N, C-alpha and C. Protein backbone atom coordinates (compact mmCIF):
# COMPACT_ATOMS: atom_id res chain seq x y z
N MET A 1 80.99 -59.88 33.97
CA MET A 1 81.30 -58.77 33.23
C MET A 1 80.55 -58.65 31.93
N LYS A 2 80.60 -59.80 31.33
CA LYS A 2 79.86 -59.96 30.09
C LYS A 2 78.38 -59.73 30.31
N ARG A 3 78.03 -60.20 31.42
CA ARG A 3 76.58 -60.09 31.70
C ARG A 3 76.22 -58.63 32.02
N LYS A 4 77.07 -57.89 32.62
CA LYS A 4 76.78 -56.46 32.94
C LYS A 4 76.78 -55.70 31.69
N LEU A 5 77.72 -56.02 30.79
CA LEU A 5 77.75 -55.39 29.49
C LEU A 5 76.47 -55.64 28.67
N MET A 6 76.09 -56.89 28.67
CA MET A 6 74.81 -57.26 28.00
C MET A 6 73.61 -56.52 28.59
N LEU A 7 73.60 -56.47 29.90
CA LEU A 7 72.53 -55.79 30.56
C LEU A 7 72.53 -54.33 30.24
N SER A 8 73.71 -53.71 30.17
CA SER A 8 73.79 -52.29 29.91
C SER A 8 73.37 -52.05 28.39
N VAL A 9 73.79 -52.89 27.49
CA VAL A 9 73.48 -52.78 26.10
C VAL A 9 71.94 -52.92 25.92
N THR A 10 71.35 -53.95 26.63
CA THR A 10 69.93 -54.16 26.51
C THR A 10 69.21 -52.91 27.08
N CYS A 11 69.63 -52.36 28.12
CA CYS A 11 69.00 -51.19 28.76
C CYS A 11 69.09 -50.08 27.76
N LEU A 12 70.25 -49.89 27.13
CA LEU A 12 70.41 -48.82 26.18
C LEU A 12 69.49 -48.96 24.99
N ILE A 13 69.36 -50.21 24.50
CA ILE A 13 68.52 -50.48 23.34
C ILE A 13 67.08 -50.22 23.67
N VAL A 14 66.65 -50.62 24.90
CA VAL A 14 65.28 -50.33 25.39
C VAL A 14 65.10 -48.83 25.52
N LEU A 15 66.06 -48.15 26.08
CA LEU A 15 65.94 -46.70 26.25
C LEU A 15 65.91 -45.98 24.89
N ILE A 16 66.71 -46.43 23.96
CA ILE A 16 66.70 -45.85 22.60
C ILE A 16 65.38 -46.14 21.97
N GLY A 17 64.79 -47.31 22.13
CA GLY A 17 63.55 -47.65 21.55
C GLY A 17 62.39 -46.82 22.16
N LEU A 18 62.46 -46.66 23.48
CA LEU A 18 61.42 -45.84 24.12
C LEU A 18 61.57 -44.40 23.75
N SER A 19 62.76 -43.86 23.64
CA SER A 19 62.89 -42.43 23.26
C SER A 19 62.44 -42.31 21.81
N GLY A 20 62.72 -43.27 20.93
CA GLY A 20 62.29 -43.16 19.51
C GLY A 20 60.81 -43.19 19.53
N SER A 21 60.15 -44.07 20.24
CA SER A 21 58.69 -44.18 20.24
C SER A 21 58.13 -42.87 20.79
N ALA A 22 58.70 -42.32 21.81
CA ALA A 22 58.23 -40.99 22.34
C ALA A 22 58.43 -39.92 21.35
N TRP A 23 59.47 -39.96 20.61
CA TRP A 23 59.71 -38.97 19.56
C TRP A 23 58.67 -39.05 18.45
N PHE A 24 58.33 -40.26 17.99
CA PHE A 24 57.31 -40.43 17.01
C PHE A 24 55.92 -40.06 17.55
N PHE A 25 55.65 -40.39 18.79
CA PHE A 25 54.37 -40.02 19.42
C PHE A 25 54.28 -38.50 19.52
N LEU A 26 55.30 -37.80 19.94
CA LEU A 26 55.30 -36.36 20.05
C LEU A 26 55.24 -35.71 18.66
N ALA A 27 55.90 -36.29 17.68
CA ALA A 27 55.85 -35.74 16.31
C ALA A 27 54.43 -35.86 15.77
N ALA A 28 53.74 -36.98 15.97
CA ALA A 28 52.37 -37.16 15.56
C ALA A 28 51.45 -36.10 16.24
N LYS A 29 51.65 -35.89 17.52
CA LYS A 29 50.83 -34.87 18.25
C LYS A 29 51.13 -33.45 17.70
N ILE A 30 52.35 -33.19 17.37
CA ILE A 30 52.70 -31.87 16.86
C ILE A 30 52.09 -31.64 15.51
N PHE A 31 52.12 -32.68 14.60
CA PHE A 31 51.52 -32.54 13.29
C PHE A 31 50.01 -32.35 13.42
N ALA A 32 49.41 -33.09 14.39
CA ALA A 32 47.92 -32.96 14.54
C ALA A 32 47.59 -31.57 15.02
N ALA A 33 48.44 -31.06 15.99
CA ALA A 33 48.19 -29.70 16.51
C ALA A 33 48.40 -28.70 15.39
N ARG A 34 49.42 -28.90 14.55
CA ARG A 34 49.70 -27.98 13.43
C ARG A 34 48.46 -27.91 12.53
N ALA A 35 47.90 -29.10 12.23
CA ALA A 35 46.76 -29.13 11.34
C ALA A 35 45.53 -28.42 11.95
N ALA A 36 45.39 -28.61 13.27
CA ALA A 36 44.26 -27.91 13.97
C ALA A 36 44.49 -26.40 13.97
N VAL A 37 45.75 -26.00 14.15
CA VAL A 37 46.05 -24.52 14.16
C VAL A 37 45.79 -23.98 12.76
N MET A 38 46.19 -24.70 11.68
CA MET A 38 45.96 -24.20 10.33
C MET A 38 44.46 -24.08 10.10
N GLU A 39 43.68 -25.06 10.51
CA GLU A 39 42.22 -24.98 10.39
C GLU A 39 41.66 -23.80 11.12
N LEU A 40 42.12 -23.55 12.31
CA LEU A 40 41.64 -22.41 13.12
C LEU A 40 42.05 -21.11 12.40
N LYS A 41 43.28 -21.02 11.89
CA LYS A 41 43.69 -19.82 11.19
C LYS A 41 42.78 -19.55 9.97
N THR A 42 42.40 -20.63 9.25
CA THR A 42 41.50 -20.44 8.11
C THR A 42 40.15 -19.95 8.58
N LYS A 43 39.62 -20.47 9.69
CA LYS A 43 38.35 -20.03 10.20
C LYS A 43 38.44 -18.60 10.66
N VAL A 44 39.49 -18.22 11.30
CA VAL A 44 39.64 -16.85 11.78
C VAL A 44 39.70 -15.91 10.61
N SER A 45 40.42 -16.34 9.56
CA SER A 45 40.51 -15.56 8.36
C SER A 45 39.14 -15.33 7.71
N GLN A 46 38.36 -16.41 7.61
CA GLN A 46 37.02 -16.33 7.01
C GLN A 46 36.16 -15.44 7.84
N ASN A 47 36.20 -15.61 9.21
CA ASN A 47 35.38 -14.80 10.08
C ASN A 47 35.76 -13.29 9.95
N GLY A 48 37.07 -13.06 9.78
CA GLY A 48 37.50 -11.69 9.63
C GLY A 48 36.95 -11.10 8.33
N LYS A 49 36.90 -11.92 7.27
CA LYS A 49 36.35 -11.40 6.04
C LYS A 49 34.83 -11.21 6.17
N LYS A 50 34.14 -12.09 6.88
CA LYS A 50 32.74 -11.89 7.15
C LYS A 50 32.45 -10.59 7.96
N ILE A 51 33.24 -10.38 8.95
CA ILE A 51 33.09 -9.20 9.76
C ILE A 51 33.29 -7.93 8.95
N GLU A 52 34.29 -7.95 8.08
CA GLU A 52 34.55 -6.82 7.16
C GLU A 52 33.39 -6.60 6.23
N GLU A 53 32.85 -7.70 5.66
CA GLU A 53 31.73 -7.57 4.75
C GLU A 53 30.49 -7.04 5.49
N GLU A 54 30.31 -7.48 6.72
CA GLU A 54 29.17 -6.98 7.54
C GLU A 54 29.31 -5.49 7.83
N LYS A 55 30.51 -5.04 8.11
CA LYS A 55 30.75 -3.61 8.30
C LYS A 55 30.45 -2.85 7.01
N ASN A 56 30.87 -3.37 5.92
CA ASN A 56 30.66 -2.70 4.60
C ASN A 56 29.14 -2.63 4.35
N LEU A 57 28.43 -3.70 4.62
CA LEU A 57 26.99 -3.72 4.45
C LEU A 57 26.29 -2.76 5.38
N LYS A 58 26.76 -2.63 6.59
CA LYS A 58 26.13 -1.68 7.52
C LYS A 58 26.38 -0.23 6.99
N ARG A 59 27.58 0.03 6.53
CA ARG A 59 27.84 1.34 5.99
C ARG A 59 26.93 1.62 4.76
N MET A 60 26.82 0.60 3.93
CA MET A 60 25.98 0.86 2.74
C MET A 60 24.55 1.00 3.09
N LEU A 61 24.05 0.24 4.11
CA LEU A 61 22.64 0.45 4.51
C LEU A 61 22.46 1.82 5.17
N ALA A 62 23.39 2.28 5.93
CA ALA A 62 23.27 3.61 6.51
C ALA A 62 23.20 4.69 5.41
N GLY A 63 23.95 4.47 4.28
CA GLY A 63 23.94 5.41 3.21
C GLY A 63 22.60 5.30 2.45
N ILE A 64 22.00 4.12 2.42
CA ILE A 64 20.81 3.97 1.67
C ILE A 64 19.58 4.40 2.52
N SER A 65 19.72 4.37 3.83
CA SER A 65 18.57 4.72 4.69
C SER A 65 18.01 6.13 4.44
N LYS A 66 18.89 7.10 4.10
CA LYS A 66 18.38 8.40 3.77
C LYS A 66 17.56 8.41 2.52
N GLU A 67 18.01 7.68 1.49
CA GLU A 67 17.25 7.58 0.30
C GLU A 67 15.93 6.83 0.50
N THR A 68 16.06 5.78 1.29
CA THR A 68 14.83 5.00 1.63
C THR A 68 13.77 5.85 2.36
N ALA A 69 14.24 6.60 3.26
CA ALA A 69 13.35 7.52 4.01
C ALA A 69 12.68 8.54 3.07
N LEU A 70 13.47 9.06 2.14
CA LEU A 70 12.93 9.99 1.20
C LEU A 70 11.92 9.39 0.29
N VAL A 71 12.11 8.18 -0.20
CA VAL A 71 11.16 7.47 -1.04
C VAL A 71 9.92 7.15 -0.21
N ASP A 72 10.10 6.65 1.02
CA ASP A 72 8.99 6.36 1.90
C ASP A 72 8.12 7.57 2.19
N SER A 73 8.76 8.73 2.22
CA SER A 73 7.96 9.94 2.55
C SER A 73 7.02 10.30 1.44
N VAL A 74 7.21 9.84 0.20
CA VAL A 74 6.34 10.13 -0.85
C VAL A 74 5.06 9.30 -0.75
N PHE A 75 5.18 8.14 -0.24
CA PHE A 75 3.99 7.25 -0.11
C PHE A 75 3.31 7.46 1.21
N LEU A 76 2.05 7.78 1.16
CA LEU A 76 1.27 8.13 2.37
C LEU A 76 0.33 6.99 2.71
N GLY A 77 0.13 6.68 3.93
CA GLY A 77 -0.89 5.78 4.40
C GLY A 77 -2.16 6.59 4.80
N GLN A 78 -3.14 5.85 5.20
CA GLN A 78 -4.45 6.51 5.53
C GLN A 78 -4.23 7.52 6.70
N ALA A 79 -3.39 7.15 7.63
CA ALA A 79 -3.20 8.01 8.82
C ALA A 79 -2.41 9.25 8.44
N GLU A 80 -1.70 9.27 7.33
CA GLU A 80 -0.84 10.36 6.94
C GLU A 80 -1.48 11.27 5.97
N LEU A 81 -2.78 11.12 5.65
CA LEU A 81 -3.46 12.00 4.79
C LEU A 81 -3.49 13.46 5.31
N ILE A 82 -3.45 13.55 6.67
CA ILE A 82 -3.47 14.87 7.31
C ILE A 82 -2.24 15.60 6.85
N ARG A 83 -1.11 14.98 6.69
CA ARG A 83 0.12 15.64 6.20
C ARG A 83 -0.14 16.21 4.78
N LEU A 84 -0.87 15.48 3.94
CA LEU A 84 -1.14 16.00 2.64
C LEU A 84 -2.07 17.17 2.73
N ILE A 85 -3.13 17.13 3.56
CA ILE A 85 -4.03 18.22 3.68
C ILE A 85 -3.36 19.46 4.26
N GLU A 86 -2.47 19.25 5.22
CA GLU A 86 -1.67 20.39 5.69
C GLU A 86 -0.80 20.95 4.59
N GLY A 87 -0.28 20.11 3.71
CA GLY A 87 0.52 20.59 2.62
C GLY A 87 -0.33 21.41 1.63
N LEU A 88 -1.53 20.95 1.36
CA LEU A 88 -2.42 21.67 0.43
C LEU A 88 -2.80 23.02 1.02
N GLU A 89 -3.11 23.05 2.37
CA GLU A 89 -3.35 24.33 3.01
C GLU A 89 -2.20 25.23 3.03
N GLY A 90 -0.99 24.67 3.19
CA GLY A 90 0.27 25.44 3.27
C GLY A 90 0.51 26.10 1.90
N ILE A 91 0.37 25.37 0.85
CA ILE A 91 0.64 26.03 -0.43
C ILE A 91 -0.50 27.04 -0.82
N GLY A 92 -1.69 26.79 -0.19
CA GLY A 92 -2.77 27.82 -0.33
C GLY A 92 -2.40 29.15 0.27
N SER A 93 -1.84 29.12 1.47
CA SER A 93 -1.44 30.36 2.14
C SER A 93 -0.22 30.89 1.44
N ASP A 94 0.72 30.01 0.96
CA ASP A 94 1.91 30.55 0.27
C ASP A 94 1.56 31.24 -1.00
N SER A 95 0.54 30.74 -1.70
CA SER A 95 0.20 31.38 -2.96
C SER A 95 -0.85 32.50 -2.81
N GLY A 96 -1.41 32.63 -1.62
CA GLY A 96 -2.35 33.72 -1.41
C GLY A 96 -3.77 33.48 -1.83
N VAL A 97 -4.22 32.26 -1.82
CA VAL A 97 -5.60 31.91 -2.18
C VAL A 97 -6.27 31.33 -0.99
N SER A 98 -7.59 31.42 -0.92
CA SER A 98 -8.41 30.81 0.15
C SER A 98 -8.82 29.43 -0.36
N LEU A 99 -8.61 28.44 0.49
CA LEU A 99 -8.84 27.02 0.15
C LEU A 99 -9.97 26.49 0.99
N GLN A 100 -10.84 25.76 0.31
CA GLN A 100 -11.89 24.99 1.00
C GLN A 100 -11.88 23.55 0.43
N ILE A 101 -11.75 22.57 1.34
CA ILE A 101 -11.78 21.25 0.89
C ILE A 101 -13.24 20.77 0.93
N LYS A 102 -13.77 20.50 -0.24
CA LYS A 102 -15.21 20.15 -0.37
C LYS A 102 -15.42 18.68 0.06
N SER A 103 -14.57 17.78 -0.37
CA SER A 103 -14.78 16.35 -0.06
C SER A 103 -13.48 15.59 -0.14
N ILE A 104 -13.36 14.55 0.63
CA ILE A 104 -12.28 13.62 0.58
C ILE A 104 -12.88 12.23 0.47
N ASN A 105 -12.53 11.50 -0.54
CA ASN A 105 -13.02 10.10 -0.77
C ASN A 105 -11.83 9.18 -0.64
N VAL A 106 -11.78 8.52 0.48
CA VAL A 106 -10.65 7.59 0.73
C VAL A 106 -11.05 6.17 0.25
N GLU A 107 -10.56 5.80 -0.89
CA GLU A 107 -10.78 4.52 -1.42
C GLU A 107 -9.55 3.63 -1.16
N LYS A 108 -9.66 2.36 -1.55
CA LYS A 108 -8.56 1.38 -1.23
C LYS A 108 -7.30 1.77 -2.01
N ASN A 109 -7.35 2.12 -3.27
CA ASN A 109 -6.16 2.35 -4.06
C ASN A 109 -5.68 3.80 -4.03
N SER A 110 -6.55 4.74 -4.26
CA SER A 110 -6.08 6.11 -4.30
C SER A 110 -7.20 7.04 -3.85
N PRO A 111 -6.97 7.84 -2.86
CA PRO A 111 -8.02 8.80 -2.37
C PRO A 111 -8.15 9.97 -3.35
N SER A 112 -9.29 10.52 -3.38
CA SER A 112 -9.46 11.71 -4.22
C SER A 112 -9.96 12.84 -3.32
N LEU A 113 -9.61 14.08 -3.73
CA LEU A 113 -9.97 15.26 -3.03
C LEU A 113 -10.59 16.30 -3.96
N ASN A 114 -11.59 16.93 -3.54
CA ASN A 114 -12.25 18.01 -4.32
C ASN A 114 -11.96 19.32 -3.55
N LEU A 115 -11.29 20.25 -4.19
CA LEU A 115 -10.95 21.50 -3.56
C LEU A 115 -11.61 22.63 -4.26
N SER A 116 -11.98 23.67 -3.53
CA SER A 116 -12.47 24.90 -4.08
C SER A 116 -11.59 26.01 -3.63
N LEU A 117 -11.15 26.82 -4.58
CA LEU A 117 -10.14 27.92 -4.30
C LEU A 117 -10.73 29.22 -4.70
N GLU A 118 -10.28 30.29 -4.11
CA GLU A 118 -10.69 31.64 -4.50
C GLU A 118 -9.48 32.57 -4.39
N GLY A 119 -9.26 33.36 -5.44
CA GLY A 119 -8.20 34.29 -5.45
C GLY A 119 -8.02 34.93 -6.78
N SER A 120 -6.98 35.70 -6.96
CA SER A 120 -6.77 36.28 -8.31
C SER A 120 -6.32 35.16 -9.27
N PHE A 121 -6.49 35.41 -10.56
CA PHE A 121 -6.20 34.37 -11.55
C PHE A 121 -4.70 33.92 -11.37
N GLU A 122 -3.82 34.95 -11.19
CA GLU A 122 -2.40 34.58 -11.06
C GLU A 122 -2.13 33.75 -9.85
N LYS A 123 -2.82 34.06 -8.73
CA LYS A 123 -2.61 33.25 -7.50
C LYS A 123 -3.13 31.85 -7.67
N LEU A 124 -4.22 31.74 -8.37
CA LEU A 124 -4.79 30.40 -8.56
C LEU A 124 -3.89 29.56 -9.43
N PHE A 125 -3.29 30.21 -10.44
CA PHE A 125 -2.32 29.50 -11.25
C PHE A 125 -1.06 29.14 -10.53
N GLU A 126 -0.67 30.04 -9.67
CA GLU A 126 0.45 29.73 -8.80
C GLU A 126 0.22 28.51 -7.92
N TYR A 127 -1.02 28.48 -7.40
CA TYR A 127 -1.48 27.32 -6.55
C TYR A 127 -1.30 25.99 -7.40
N LEU A 128 -1.79 26.02 -8.62
CA LEU A 128 -1.75 24.91 -9.49
C LEU A 128 -0.29 24.50 -9.72
N TYR A 129 0.58 25.43 -9.92
CA TYR A 129 2.01 25.09 -10.05
C TYR A 129 2.62 24.47 -8.83
N LEU A 130 2.35 25.05 -7.63
CA LEU A 130 2.76 24.49 -6.41
C LEU A 130 2.18 23.14 -6.09
N LEU A 131 0.94 22.91 -6.49
CA LEU A 131 0.25 21.57 -6.33
C LEU A 131 0.98 20.57 -7.10
N GLU A 132 1.37 20.93 -8.36
CA GLU A 132 2.08 19.94 -9.16
C GLU A 132 3.45 19.56 -8.61
N ASN A 133 3.97 20.46 -7.77
CA ASN A 133 5.38 20.23 -7.26
C ASN A 133 5.38 19.74 -5.82
N LEU A 134 4.26 19.29 -5.34
CA LEU A 134 4.24 18.70 -4.02
C LEU A 134 5.04 17.43 -4.04
N PRO A 135 5.64 16.97 -2.93
CA PRO A 135 6.45 15.76 -3.03
C PRO A 135 5.63 14.47 -2.95
N TYR A 136 4.45 14.52 -3.58
CA TYR A 136 3.57 13.31 -3.64
C TYR A 136 3.23 13.14 -5.11
N LEU A 137 2.84 11.86 -5.43
CA LEU A 137 2.43 11.57 -6.81
C LEU A 137 0.99 11.91 -6.92
N ILE A 138 0.70 13.12 -7.39
CA ILE A 138 -0.69 13.62 -7.46
C ILE A 138 -1.15 13.63 -8.92
N ASN A 139 -2.32 13.08 -9.16
CA ASN A 139 -2.86 13.04 -10.53
C ASN A 139 -4.07 14.05 -10.49
N ILE A 140 -3.89 15.11 -11.23
CA ILE A 140 -4.90 16.16 -11.27
C ILE A 140 -5.94 15.70 -12.31
N GLN A 141 -7.15 15.35 -11.85
CA GLN A 141 -8.15 14.82 -12.70
C GLN A 141 -8.93 15.93 -13.48
N ASN A 142 -9.25 16.96 -12.73
CA ASN A 142 -10.05 18.05 -13.36
C ASN A 142 -9.73 19.37 -12.63
N VAL A 143 -9.59 20.41 -13.47
CA VAL A 143 -9.40 21.82 -12.94
C VAL A 143 -10.33 22.70 -13.74
N SER A 144 -11.03 23.48 -13.02
CA SER A 144 -11.87 24.50 -13.73
C SER A 144 -11.73 25.84 -13.08
N PHE A 145 -11.51 26.83 -13.92
CA PHE A 145 -11.34 28.23 -13.49
C PHE A 145 -12.58 28.97 -13.97
N ARG A 146 -13.10 29.87 -13.13
CA ARG A 146 -14.25 30.67 -13.56
C ARG A 146 -14.23 32.00 -12.85
N LYS A 147 -14.68 32.98 -13.53
CA LYS A 147 -14.83 34.30 -12.95
C LYS A 147 -16.26 34.47 -12.60
N PRO A 148 -16.61 34.77 -11.39
CA PRO A 148 -17.96 34.85 -10.98
C PRO A 148 -18.69 36.01 -11.66
N ASP A 149 -20.03 35.82 -11.83
CA ASP A 149 -20.78 36.86 -12.46
C ASP A 149 -20.74 38.16 -11.69
N GLU A 150 -20.79 39.30 -12.41
CA GLU A 150 -20.74 40.59 -11.78
C GLU A 150 -21.99 40.79 -10.91
N GLY A 151 -21.77 41.37 -9.74
CA GLY A 151 -22.86 41.75 -8.91
C GLY A 151 -23.38 40.71 -7.93
N SER A 152 -22.92 39.41 -8.06
CA SER A 152 -23.47 38.45 -7.15
C SER A 152 -22.32 37.88 -6.27
N GLY A 153 -22.43 37.95 -4.96
CA GLY A 153 -21.44 37.41 -4.08
C GLY A 153 -20.20 38.26 -3.82
N ALA A 154 -19.50 37.86 -2.80
CA ALA A 154 -18.27 38.66 -2.42
C ALA A 154 -17.14 38.43 -3.36
N ALA A 155 -17.10 37.23 -4.03
CA ALA A 155 -15.99 36.92 -4.94
C ALA A 155 -16.15 37.82 -6.19
N ALA A 156 -17.30 38.03 -6.65
CA ALA A 156 -17.57 38.83 -7.88
C ALA A 156 -17.21 40.30 -7.58
N GLN A 157 -17.53 40.73 -6.40
CA GLN A 157 -17.28 42.18 -6.12
C GLN A 157 -15.82 42.36 -5.87
N SER A 158 -15.08 41.37 -5.38
CA SER A 158 -13.63 41.60 -5.12
C SER A 158 -12.80 41.36 -6.40
N GLY A 159 -13.41 40.88 -7.41
CA GLY A 159 -12.67 40.63 -8.70
C GLY A 159 -11.88 39.27 -8.67
N ASN A 160 -12.12 38.49 -7.68
CA ASN A 160 -11.42 37.20 -7.59
C ASN A 160 -12.04 36.17 -8.55
N TRP A 161 -11.20 35.17 -8.85
CA TRP A 161 -11.60 34.06 -9.56
C TRP A 161 -11.84 32.92 -8.64
N GLN A 162 -12.58 31.91 -9.14
CA GLN A 162 -12.79 30.70 -8.40
C GLN A 162 -12.31 29.51 -9.22
N ALA A 163 -11.74 28.52 -8.55
CA ALA A 163 -11.22 27.32 -9.20
C ALA A 163 -11.70 26.10 -8.42
N ASP A 164 -11.99 25.05 -9.16
CA ASP A 164 -12.33 23.75 -8.54
C ASP A 164 -11.28 22.75 -9.02
N PHE A 165 -10.74 22.00 -8.11
CA PHE A 165 -9.74 20.98 -8.43
C PHE A 165 -10.23 19.65 -7.97
N ASN A 166 -10.05 18.62 -8.80
CA ASN A 166 -10.32 17.24 -8.41
C ASN A 166 -9.03 16.52 -8.58
N ILE A 167 -8.48 16.04 -7.48
CA ILE A 167 -7.13 15.37 -7.53
C ILE A 167 -7.19 14.00 -7.00
N LEU A 168 -6.34 13.09 -7.54
CA LEU A 168 -6.16 11.78 -7.03
C LEU A 168 -4.78 11.62 -6.47
N LEU A 169 -4.63 10.99 -5.34
CA LEU A 169 -3.30 10.76 -4.78
C LEU A 169 -2.86 9.33 -5.14
N ASP A 170 -1.93 9.27 -6.13
CA ASP A 170 -1.49 8.00 -6.60
C ASP A 170 -0.40 7.36 -5.76
N SER A 171 0.27 8.12 -4.94
CA SER A 171 1.33 7.62 -4.07
C SER A 171 0.69 7.32 -2.70
N TYR A 172 -0.14 6.33 -2.69
CA TYR A 172 -0.93 5.98 -1.48
C TYR A 172 -0.80 4.48 -1.30
N GLU A 173 -0.50 4.12 -0.05
CA GLU A 173 -0.41 2.67 0.24
C GLU A 173 -1.38 2.31 1.33
N ASN A 174 -1.96 1.20 1.23
CA ASN A 174 -2.94 0.84 2.25
C ASN A 174 -2.28 0.06 3.32
């Protein structure tokens, strides 16, 4: 009997020891898992902030793209000089003058254009005003107005004036 009691007590002590060891082992695993969960929560939070910042940057870039396109439209490349020439012809027809482009000199930094215009003095002055208000950075180098001599040529007989413009396009990129 004593032996059975001893055996039972020994078995209980071993079982209590094993259950205590299992409890410590499980507690260690739980604490390790808790630390991993906290680390993952931190990473998820940081990624959430990064995603929000990315969305804000995309919204800001979308808002800036209109302004960027507007600024870029001021600067013309060599292939876009046609757009400038069409603009010059357009303001010529808007102001009621006849326009003749005498020469275009495309240099590396800024192309120059020599224009000859014919029309009434008021219309020529209106063309000058419209030229200054084109959406390009234009530097007017030289402007000369003259009334043709009486009796010679169609311009003199119609009472029209002639004007010569020499302009540089400063908003030009190569």
